[in-house]
Amino acid sequence: MKRICLTVTGMCLMILHAFSQVTPRDTSSYKPRALKLDEVEIVSSYYSHTADKSAVSGGQTSPMGKADVTDLANGLEIRFVGWDKRQGKNTLTAGIGYDFHTAASQAWVSKTGASKTTGSRIYPSLNWAHENAGKGTGYELGAYYSTEYNYRSIGLDAGFSKKTRDKNGEFSAKFTGYFDEVKLIYPSEFVKGLITNNTDSTIYITGFDGRPEAIPPGGTSRRDKKNVPSSPRDSYSADFSYSQVFNTRMQGSVELDLVEQTGYLGLPFHRVYFTNGQDTIEKLPSQRLKLPIGFRLNYFLGDNVILKAYYRFYIDNWGIRSHTASLEVPVKITPFFSVSPFYRYYIQTAANYFAPYEKHLPTDAWYTSNYALSAFSANLFGVGLRLAPPKGILDKHFSSLELRYAHYTETTDLISNVISLDLKFR
């Protein structure tokens, strides 16, 4: 972790050094500009879903299986733009987000239903991008951090892009690594109370991590909230895309992602119930390979209507296969007001390791009852409204407002709604 933190610090220093070189010089054809505030974006959303097959309860449909969730997310992003003496555009973007959620299923980490049901997450980010319009090249670096009560994540990424000679096509690649720590918070029945060893010999108990913990004579167990152990989880991805302008009305792209995850890939408070009624903690392989490939096609149907179509196929080595198809149709009502209805269909097969409540055999090597890994199909539809007058909203600095609503249904009986507001200021 120390190595990762030093890497983030080094990237930040490199970014600041790059901007320190931005100095104006006299030229009749091009005027470099020092770094200045370009745009401020504020995003806020409210999400709510109802469900009755909580992974915390082992997928059972009972009061313990109640899995309702609400989430209020807020984000602030500030973008600075400057031009260097080589006619390169430099963009520095700093962001911070804060989420607050309630989750009914969290109560049942304790079998009495008395666990805390609220939580929060904070996630700052920093990104630098450089673009040379003359050469058609671009580069970017990013650093991310996220923390909540049971999870901590550090992310780093680097990317580049290159346009074709006629500037109608562009290839881009992005490489990302996330280095996470998962706190091993177990269901209450797997955690004993604070124990003091009053014997004359060492005793052994099961710790938060499921491993024997030695307690010497006169000693006590270290199992309290300040000493909950963590387990690492690393994710690496290589994302490639190629976009092409076919003509004045049609644009398209293809996207390919290669993803590998290693480490603790489940959650320690997700229960599983075997056919004999015994409960345990979900157990999943420590490696997962993912391969999604997607296609986008945008068609300008006249001056006021755009058809935005998308399809993605996904496969992984856990046995999941999925298909996603979506269509969005922005319609320009006036030169500065548009309405965008959208629809998305999704279907997937179950992971090899999934089984419902009390369907796993005690002899199974891997097991989970998390319905996110089950076979299901889903529908999402909604509408977006966008207002962006040339002279701004109320004043020239308030440049645009976008409001979106979506309704989602899943064959696992999960139903959700989300509404979001996006404000931009220049």
Protein backbone atom coordinates (compact mmCIF):
# COMPACT_ATOMS: atom_id res chain seq x y z
CA MET A 1 0.00 0.00 0.00
CA LYS A 2 2.89 2.36 0.71
CA ARG A 3 4.18 1.76 -2.83
CA ILE A 4 0.78 2.64 -4.28
CA CYS A 5 0.51 5.85 -2.25
CA LEU A 6 3.98 6.92 -3.40
CA THR A 7 2.95 6.25 -7.00
CA VAL A 8 -0.12 8.46 -6.63
CA THR A 9 1.99 11.21 -5.09
CA GLY A 10 4.50 10.94 -7.94
CA MET A 11 1.76 11.21 -10.56
CA CYS A 12 0.34 14.31 -8.89
CA LEU A 13 3.77 15.96 -8.79
CA MET A 14 4.30 15.11 -12.45
CA ILE A 15 0.96 16.67 -13.36
CA LEU A 16 1.74 19.85 -11.41
CA HIS A 17 5.19 20.03 -13.02
CA ALA A 18 3.64 19.77 -16.47
CA PHE A 19 1.37 22.73 -15.78
CA SER A 20 4.20 24.77 -14.31
CA GLN A 21 5.71 24.76 -17.79
CA VAL A 22 2.71 26.55 -19.32
CA THR A 23 4.08 29.98 -20.22
CA PRO A 24 2.69 32.43 -22.78
CA ARG A 25 4.71 33.48 -25.82
CA ASP A 26 4.02 35.91 -28.63
CA THR A 27 2.86 34.48 -31.95
CA SER A 28 0.57 35.84 -34.62
CA SER A 29 -1.07 32.49 -35.38
CA TYR A 30 -1.37 30.95 -31.91
CA LYS A 31 -1.52 32.28 -28.39
CA PRO A 32 -0.68 29.91 -25.54
CA ARG A 33 -2.87 30.41 -22.47
CA ALA A 34 -2.05 29.69 -18.86
CA LEU A 35 -4.16 27.26 -16.87
CA LYS A 36 -7.57 28.70 -15.94
CA LEU A 37 -10.95 27.54 -14.69
CA ASP A 38 -13.02 26.25 -17.62
CA GLU A 39 -16.04 24.42 -16.19
CA VAL A 40 -17.68 23.34 -12.93
CA GLU A 41 -20.07 20.38 -12.95
CA ILE A 42 -22.41 19.39 -10.12
CA VAL A 43 -24.21 16.05 -10.26
CA SER A 44 -26.77 14.78 -7.77
CA SER A 45 -28.86 11.62 -7.96
CA TYR A 46 -31.33 9.67 -5.85
CA TYR A 47 -31.61 5.90 -6.26
CA SER A 48 -34.08 3.51 -4.64
CA HIS A 49 -34.82 -0.17 -5.10
CA THR A 50 -36.94 -2.87 -3.52
CA ALA A 51 -35.87 -6.52 -3.49
CA ASP A 52 -36.52 -9.63 -1.43
CA LYS A 53 -33.53 -11.89 -2.06
CA SER A 54 -30.67 -10.44 -0.05
CA ALA A 55 -27.22 -12.01 -0.37
CA VAL A 56 -26.76 -11.30 3.34
CA SER A 57 -29.62 -13.71 4.04
CA GLY A 58 -28.39 -16.37 1.62
CA GLY A 59 -31.03 -15.46 -0.95
CA GLN A 60 -34.02 -16.42 1.15
CA THR A 61 -37.30 -14.51 0.80
CA SER A 62 -38.26 -13.66 4.38
CA PRO A 63 -37.98 -10.63 6.68
CA MET A 64 -34.26 -11.46 6.77
CA GLY A 65 -34.21 -11.38 2.95
CA LYS A 66 -35.48 -7.81 2.67
CA ALA A 67 -32.95 -5.99 0.50
CA ASP A 68 -34.37 -2.48 -0.02
CA VAL A 69 -31.75 0.19 -0.74
CA THR A 70 -31.74 3.97 -1.08
CA ASP A 71 -28.72 6.00 -2.13
CA LEU A 72 -28.15 9.75 -2.39
CA ALA A 73 -25.06 10.53 -4.46
CA ASN A 74 -23.50 13.95 -4.97
CA GLY A 75 -20.47 14.88 -7.04
CA LEU A 76 -18.47 18.01 -7.80
CA GLU A 77 -16.02 18.23 -10.70
CA ILE A 78 -13.82 21.22 -11.52
CA ARG A 79 -11.98 21.44 -14.83
CA PHE A 80 -9.03 23.69 -15.67
CA VAL A 81 -7.76 24.17 -19.23
CA GLY A 82 -4.49 25.65 -20.48
CA TRP A 83 -2.46 25.74 -23.72
CA ASP A 84 1.29 25.18 -23.75
CA LYS A 85 3.92 26.69 -26.06
CA ARG A 86 3.78 23.62 -28.33
CA GLN A 87 0.10 24.25 -29.04
CA GLY A 88 -0.98 21.39 -26.82
CA LYS A 89 -4.20 21.55 -24.81
CA ASN A 90 -3.81 20.54 -21.16
CA THR A 91 -6.83 19.72 -19.02
CA LEU A 92 -6.70 19.15 -15.27
CA THR A 93 -9.88 17.79 -13.69
CA ALA A 94 -10.36 17.47 -9.93
CA GLY A 95 -13.45 15.82 -8.53
CA ILE A 96 -14.97 14.66 -5.28
CA GLY A 97 -18.08 12.59 -4.60
CA TYR A 98 -20.06 11.70 -1.51
CA ASP A 99 -22.74 9.00 -1.24
CA PHE A 100 -25.08 8.23 1.63
CA HIS A 101 -27.09 5.02 1.59
CA THR A 102 -29.51 2.94 3.62
CA ALA A 103 -29.63 -0.83 3.09
CA ALA A 104 -32.17 -3.04 4.85
CA SER A 105 -30.05 -6.17 4.32
CA GLN A 106 -27.16 -4.72 6.36
CA ALA A 107 -29.26 -5.10 9.50
CA TRP A 108 -28.98 -8.87 9.16
CA VAL A 109 -25.20 -9.05 9.32
CA SER A 110 -26.24 -9.61 12.91
CA LYS A 111 -28.72 -12.47 13.05
CA THR A 112 -30.85 -10.36 15.40
CA GLY A 113 -31.36 -7.72 12.67
CA ALA A 114 -29.70 -5.09 14.86
CA SER A 115 -26.74 -4.10 12.66
CA LYS A 116 -26.34 -0.58 11.35
CA THR A 117 -28.30 -0.02 8.12
CA THR A 118 -26.69 3.22 6.94
CA GLY A 119 -23.33 3.97 5.39
CA SER A 120 -21.43 6.56 3.38
CA ARG A 121 -18.70 6.69 0.76
CA ILE A 122 -16.31 9.47 -0.25
CA TYR A 123 -14.29 9.36 -3.48
CA PRO A 124 -11.92 12.10 -4.69
CA SER A 125 -10.23 11.94 -8.11
CA LEU A 126 -7.60 13.75 -10.15
CA ASN A 127 -7.10 13.51 -13.92
CA TRP A 128 -4.72 15.14 -16.37
CA ALA A 129 -5.16 15.03 -20.16
CA HIS A 130 -3.00 16.42 -22.96
CA GLU A 131 -4.20 16.84 -26.54
CA ASN A 132 -2.24 17.87 -29.62
CA ALA A 133 -4.81 18.72 -32.27
CA GLY A 134 -2.18 19.13 -34.98
CA LYS A 135 -0.74 15.65 -34.52
CA GLY A 136 -4.07 14.09 -33.55
CA THR A 137 -2.66 12.57 -30.35
CA GLY A 138 -3.80 12.58 -26.75
CA TYR A 139 -2.54 11.31 -23.40
CA GLU A 140 -4.07 11.10 -19.92
CA LEU A 141 -3.23 10.09 -16.37
CA GLY A 142 -5.64 9.61 -13.49
CA ALA A 143 -5.65 8.81 -9.77
CA TYR A 144 -8.69 7.81 -7.69
CA TYR A 145 -9.51 7.01 -4.08
CA SER A 146 -12.66 5.63 -2.49
CA THR A 147 -13.43 4.70 1.10
CA GLU A 148 -16.42 3.42 3.04
CA TYR A 149 -16.91 1.49 6.27
CA ASN A 150 -15.91 -1.92 4.87
CA TYR A 151 -13.98 -1.07 1.71
CA ARG A 152 -11.05 1.03 0.55
CA SER A 153 -9.84 1.44 -3.02
CA ILE A 154 -6.99 3.22 -4.81
CA GLY A 155 -7.05 3.51 -8.60
CA LEU A 156 -4.51 4.58 -11.21
CA ASP A 157 -4.92 4.82 -14.97
CA ALA A 158 -3.04 5.91 -18.07
CA GLY A 159 -4.31 6.25 -21.62
CA PHE A 160 -3.51 7.50 -25.08
CA SER A 161 -5.34 8.16 -28.35
CA LYS A 162 -4.38 8.68 -31.98
CA LYS A 163 -6.51 10.02 -34.83
CA THR A 164 -6.24 8.77 -38.40
CA ARG A 165 -4.65 10.95 -41.04
CA ASP A 166 -8.00 12.27 -42.28
CA LYS A 167 -9.10 12.86 -38.62
CA ASN A 168 -12.30 10.82 -39.20
CA GLY A 169 -11.12 7.84 -37.15
CA GLU A 170 -9.55 7.52 -33.71
CA PHE A 171 -7.95 4.67 -31.80
CA SER A 172 -7.65 4.88 -28.01
CA ALA A 173 -6.33 2.65 -25.24
CA LYS A 174 -6.61 2.96 -21.48
CA PHE A 175 -4.94 0.89 -18.77
CA THR A 176 -6.35 0.90 -15.24
CA GLY A 177 -5.47 -0.70 -11.92
CA TYR A 178 -7.53 -0.73 -8.74
CA PHE A 179 -5.95 -1.84 -5.47
CA ASP A 180 -8.62 -2.58 -2.87
CA GLU A 181 -8.88 -3.73 0.72
CA VAL A 182 -12.02 -5.55 1.91
CA LYS A 183 -12.71 -5.62 5.65
CA LEU A 184 -13.64 -9.14 6.73
CA ILE A 185 -16.83 -8.37 8.62
CA TYR A 186 -18.50 -11.75 9.20
CA PRO A 187 -22.13 -12.57 10.08
CA SER A 188 -22.69 -12.54 13.83
CA GLU A 189 -23.01 -16.32 14.24
CA PHE A 190 -19.43 -16.74 13.02
CA VAL A 191 -17.99 -14.20 15.47
CA LYS A 192 -17.63 -15.11 19.12
CA GLY A 193 -17.73 -12.55 21.90
CA LEU A 194 -14.62 -11.02 23.45
CA ILE A 195 -12.75 -13.90 25.11
CA THR A 196 -10.20 -13.77 27.92
CA ASN A 197 -7.95 -16.79 28.39
CA ASN A 198 -7.99 -17.56 32.11
CA THR A 199 -6.27 -20.93 31.69
CA ASP A 200 -2.61 -21.83 32.03
CA SER A 201 -2.19 -22.75 28.35
CA THR A 202 -2.73 -21.17 24.93
CA ILE A 203 -6.23 -21.52 23.47
CA TYR A 204 -7.38 -21.11 19.87
CA ILE A 205 -10.56 -19.48 18.56
CA THR A 206 -11.85 -18.59 15.10
CA GLY A 207 -11.04 -14.96 14.21
CA PHE A 208 -12.78 -12.47 11.92
CA ASP A 209 -10.80 -13.86 8.99
CA GLY A 210 -12.00 -17.41 9.63
CA ARG A 211 -8.56 -18.55 10.76
CA PRO A 212 -7.53 -19.85 14.19
CA GLU A 213 -6.41 -17.10 16.56
CA ALA A 214 -4.05 -17.99 19.38
CA ILE A 215 -4.73 -16.46 22.80
CA PRO A 216 -1.93 -16.93 25.36
CA PRO A 217 -2.60 -17.42 29.09
CA GLY A 218 -4.05 -14.20 30.55
CA GLY A 219 -4.57 -12.75 27.05
CA THR A 220 -7.78 -11.62 25.29
CA SER A 221 -8.94 -11.92 21.69
CA ARG A 222 -8.21 -8.93 19.46
CA ARG A 223 -11.56 -9.16 17.74
CA ASP A 224 -13.07 -5.71 17.92
CA LYS A 225 -13.99 -3.08 15.31
CA LYS A 226 -10.52 -1.53 15.42
CA ASN A 227 -8.81 -4.80 14.60
CA VAL A 228 -11.01 -6.31 11.88
CA PRO A 229 -8.55 -7.76 9.35
CA SER A 230 -8.68 -6.91 5.65
CA SER A 231 -8.10 -8.91 2.50
CA PRO A 232 -6.73 -7.50 -0.79
CA ARG A 233 -8.54 -7.36 -4.12
CA ASP A 234 -6.80 -6.11 -7.26
CA SER A 235 -8.38 -5.32 -10.61
CA TYR A 236 -6.57 -4.64 -13.88
CA SER A 237 -8.15 -3.62 -17.16
CA ALA A 238 -6.99 -2.78 -20.67
CA ASP A 239 -9.68 -0.92 -22.63
CA PHE A 240 -9.39 -0.45 -26.39
CA SER A 241 -11.72 1.42 -28.73
CA TYR A 242 -11.86 2.60 -32.30
CA SER A 243 -14.35 5.23 -33.48
CA GLN A 244 -15.09 6.23 -37.07
CA VAL A 245 -17.03 9.01 -38.78
CA PHE A 246 -18.56 7.30 -41.83
CA ASN A 247 -20.28 10.35 -43.27
CA THR A 248 -22.04 13.54 -42.15
CA ARG A 249 -24.90 11.51 -40.64
CA MET A 250 -23.33 8.35 -39.25
CA GLN A 251 -20.71 7.64 -36.58
CA GLY A 252 -19.76 4.34 -34.96
CA SER A 253 -17.29 2.71 -32.61
CA VAL A 254 -16.17 -0.68 -31.31
CA GLU A 255 -14.95 -1.20 -27.74
CA LEU A 256 -13.02 -4.13 -26.27
CA ASP A 257 -12.12 -4.54 -22.58
CA LEU A 258 -9.80 -7.08 -21.00
CA VAL A 259 -10.32 -7.35 -17.23
CA GLU A 260 -8.63 -9.47 -14.57
CA GLN A 261 -9.53 -9.52 -10.86
CA THR A 262 -7.55 -11.30 -8.18
CA GLY A 263 -7.86 -11.66 -4.40
CA TYR A 264 -10.96 -11.83 -2.24
CA LEU A 265 -13.79 -11.51 -4.78
CA GLY A 266 -16.80 -12.16 -2.55
CA LEU A 267 -18.10 -10.36 0.53
CA PRO A 268 -17.61 -11.96 3.97
CA PHE A 269 -21.12 -11.10 5.24
CA HIS A 270 -22.88 -12.89 2.34
CA ARG A 271 -24.39 -16.10 3.71
CA VAL A 272 -25.01 -19.40 1.94
CA TYR A 273 -27.35 -22.12 3.21
CA PHE A 274 -26.64 -25.74 2.28
CA THR A 275 -29.28 -28.41 1.60
CA ASN A 276 -28.88 -29.65 5.19
CA GLY A 277 -29.85 -26.21 6.58
CA GLN A 278 -26.34 -25.33 7.74
CA ASP A 279 -25.22 -21.80 6.92
CA THR A 280 -21.77 -20.62 5.92
CA ILE A 281 -20.08 -17.69 4.14
CA GLU A 282 -20.00 -17.49 0.35
CA LYS A 283 -16.83 -18.83 -1.21
CA LEU A 284 -15.72 -17.78 -4.69
CA PRO A 285 -12.54 -18.30 -6.74
CA SER A 286 -9.73 -15.79 -6.24
CA GLN A 287 -9.44 -14.97 -9.94
CA ARG A 288 -11.94 -13.70 -12.48
CA LEU A 289 -11.37 -12.88 -16.15
CA LYS A 290 -13.89 -10.71 -18.01
CA LEU A 291 -14.19 -9.97 -21.72
CA PRO A 292 -16.87 -7.48 -22.85
CA ILE A 293 -17.06 -6.21 -26.44
CA GLY A 294 -19.41 -3.40 -27.44
CA PHE A 295 -20.59 -1.60 -30.56
CA ARG A 296 -22.05 1.90 -30.86
CA LEU A 297 -23.78 3.51 -33.81
CA ASN A 298 -25.11 7.09 -33.94
CA TYR A 299 -27.25 8.21 -36.85
CA PHE A 300 -28.40 11.81 -37.38
CA LEU A 301 -31.96 11.55 -38.67
CA GLY A 302 -32.33 15.05 -40.01
CA ASP A 303 -31.34 18.10 -37.99
CA ASN A 304 -33.41 17.43 -34.88
CA VAL A 305 -33.27 13.67 -34.17
CA ILE A 306 -30.37 11.36 -33.33
CA LEU A 307 -30.55 7.57 -33.03
CA LYS A 308 -28.01 6.22 -30.52
CA ALA A 309 -27.80 2.42 -30.62
CA TYR A 310 -25.54 0.20 -28.48
CA TYR A 311 -24.92 -3.54 -28.16
CA ARG A 312 -22.53 -5.40 -25.83
CA PHE A 313 -21.63 -9.05 -25.43
CA TYR A 314 -19.97 -10.17 -22.18
CA ILE A 315 -18.27 -13.41 -21.16
CA ASP A 316 -16.23 -14.41 -18.10
CA ASN A 317 -14.57 -17.53 -16.69
CA TRP A 318 -17.21 -17.86 -13.96
CA GLY A 319 -19.73 -18.99 -16.56
CA ILE A 320 -21.70 -15.76 -17.05
CA ARG A 321 -22.74 -14.78 -20.58
CA SER A 322 -24.72 -11.62 -21.12
CA HIS A 323 -26.20 -9.41 -23.82
CA THR A 324 -27.04 -5.71 -23.56
CA ALA A 325 -28.95 -3.74 -26.20
CA SER A 326 -30.02 -0.12 -25.85
CA LEU A 327 -31.47 2.72 -27.89
CA GLU A 328 -31.61 6.42 -27.04
CA VAL A 329 -33.34 8.98 -29.25
CA PRO A 330 -32.48 12.62 -28.44
CA VAL A 331 -35.03 14.93 -30.07
CA LYS A 332 -34.23 18.63 -30.34
CA ILE A 333 -37.47 20.50 -29.58
CA THR A 334 -35.82 23.91 -29.91
CA PRO A 335 -32.21 24.87 -30.70
CA PHE A 336 -31.43 24.74 -26.97
CA PHE A 337 -33.94 22.21 -25.50
CA SER A 338 -33.97 18.46 -26.17
CA VAL A 339 -35.84 15.38 -24.91
CA SER A 340 -34.11 11.96 -24.90
CA PRO A 341 -36.22 8.82 -24.32
CA PHE A 342 -34.14 5.67 -23.86
CA TYR A 343 -34.55 1.91 -23.39
CA ARG A 344 -32.13 -0.90 -22.46
CA TYR A 345 -32.59 -4.67 -22.37
CA TYR A 346 -30.21 -6.98 -20.51
CA ILE A 347 -30.05 -10.75 -20.08
CA GLN A 348 -27.44 -13.02 -18.48
CA THR A 349 -26.81 -16.65 -17.59
CA ALA A 350 -25.96 -17.72 -14.04
CA ALA A 351 -22.43 -18.09 -12.70
CA ASN A 352 -21.28 -21.67 -12.24
CA TYR A 353 -21.16 -21.13 -8.48
CA PHE A 354 -24.68 -19.76 -7.93
CA ALA A 355 -27.55 -21.63 -6.31
CA PRO A 356 -30.66 -20.35 -4.44
CA TYR A 357 -31.40 -20.69 -0.76
CA GLU A 358 -30.65 -24.20 0.61
CA LYS A 359 -29.74 -25.57 -2.84
CA HIS A 360 -25.95 -25.76 -2.45
CA LEU A 361 -24.44 -29.11 -1.48
CA PRO A 362 -21.99 -29.22 1.45
CA THR A 363 -19.54 -30.86 -0.96
CA ASP A 364 -19.51 -27.88 -3.37
CA ALA A 365 -16.08 -26.31 -3.79
CA TRP A 366 -17.48 -22.81 -4.50
CA TYR A 367 -20.83 -21.35 -3.53
CA THR A 368 -22.83 -18.13 -3.52
CA SER A 369 -26.51 -17.15 -3.30
CA ASN A 370 -25.96 -13.59 -4.51
CA TYR A 371 -28.68 -13.01 -7.13
CA ALA A 372 -26.43 -10.59 -9.02
CA LEU A 373 -24.70 -13.79 -10.17
CA SER A 374 -27.95 -15.61 -11.03
CA ALA A 375 -29.67 -15.96 -14.40
CA PHE A 376 -32.04 -13.04 -15.03
CA SER A 377 -33.22 -10.50 -17.55
CA ALA A 378 -33.89 -6.80 -17.00
CA ASN A 379 -35.54 -3.82 -18.63
CA LEU A 380 -34.65 -0.18 -18.12
CA PHE A 381 -36.45 2.77 -19.66
CA GLY A 382 -36.57 6.46 -18.99
CA VAL A 383 -36.21 9.96 -20.35
CA GLY A 384 -33.73 12.80 -20.21
CA LEU A 385 -34.35 16.55 -20.52
CA ARG A 386 -31.54 18.91 -21.47
CA LEU A 387 -31.55 22.71 -21.49
CA ALA A 388 -28.52 24.56 -22.89
CA PRO A 389 -29.28 28.09 -24.22
CA PRO A 390 -26.42 29.79 -26.11
CA LYS A 391 -26.44 32.66 -23.61
CA GLY A 392 -26.75 30.40 -20.57
CA ILE A 393 -29.50 29.77 -18.04
CA LEU A 394 -30.24 32.85 -15.91
CA ASP A 395 -26.73 34.10 -16.74
CA LYS A 396 -23.89 33.19 -19.10
CA HIS A 397 -22.01 31.15 -16.49
CA PHE A 398 -24.84 28.64 -15.90
CA SER A 399 -24.38 26.84 -19.21
CA SER A 400 -26.59 23.72 -19.09
CA LEU A 401 -29.06 21.68 -17.04
CA GLU A 402 -29.87 18.00 -17.57
CA LEU A 403 -32.50 15.98 -15.72
CA ARG A 404 -32.83 12.19 -16.20
CA TYR A 405 -35.22 9.59 -14.82
CA ALA A 406 -35.00 5.79 -15.24
CA HIS A 407 -37.13 2.84 -14.10
CA TYR A 408 -35.59 -0.64 -13.87
CA THR A 409 -37.17 -4.06 -13.43
CA GLU A 410 -35.44 -7.40 -13.03
CA THR A 411 -36.85 -10.94 -13.13
CA THR A 412 -35.35 -11.53 -9.66
CA ASP A 413 -38.16 -9.19 -8.38
CA LEU A 414 -35.79 -6.24 -7.99
CA ILE A 415 -37.42 -2.93 -8.96
CA SER A 416 -35.58 0.39 -8.90
CA ASN A 417 -35.93 4.06 -9.79
CA VAL A 418 -33.25 6.69 -10.19
CA ILE A 419 -33.43 10.42 -10.85
CA SER A 420 -30.37 12.57 -11.50
CA LEU A 421 -29.60 16.25 -12.01
CA ASP A 422 -26.53 17.54 -13.85
CA LEU A 423 -25.60 21.24 -13.70
CA LYS A 424 -22.70 22.80 -15.61
CA PHE A 425 -21.16 26.22 -15.05
CA ARG A 426 -18.56 27.97 -17.21
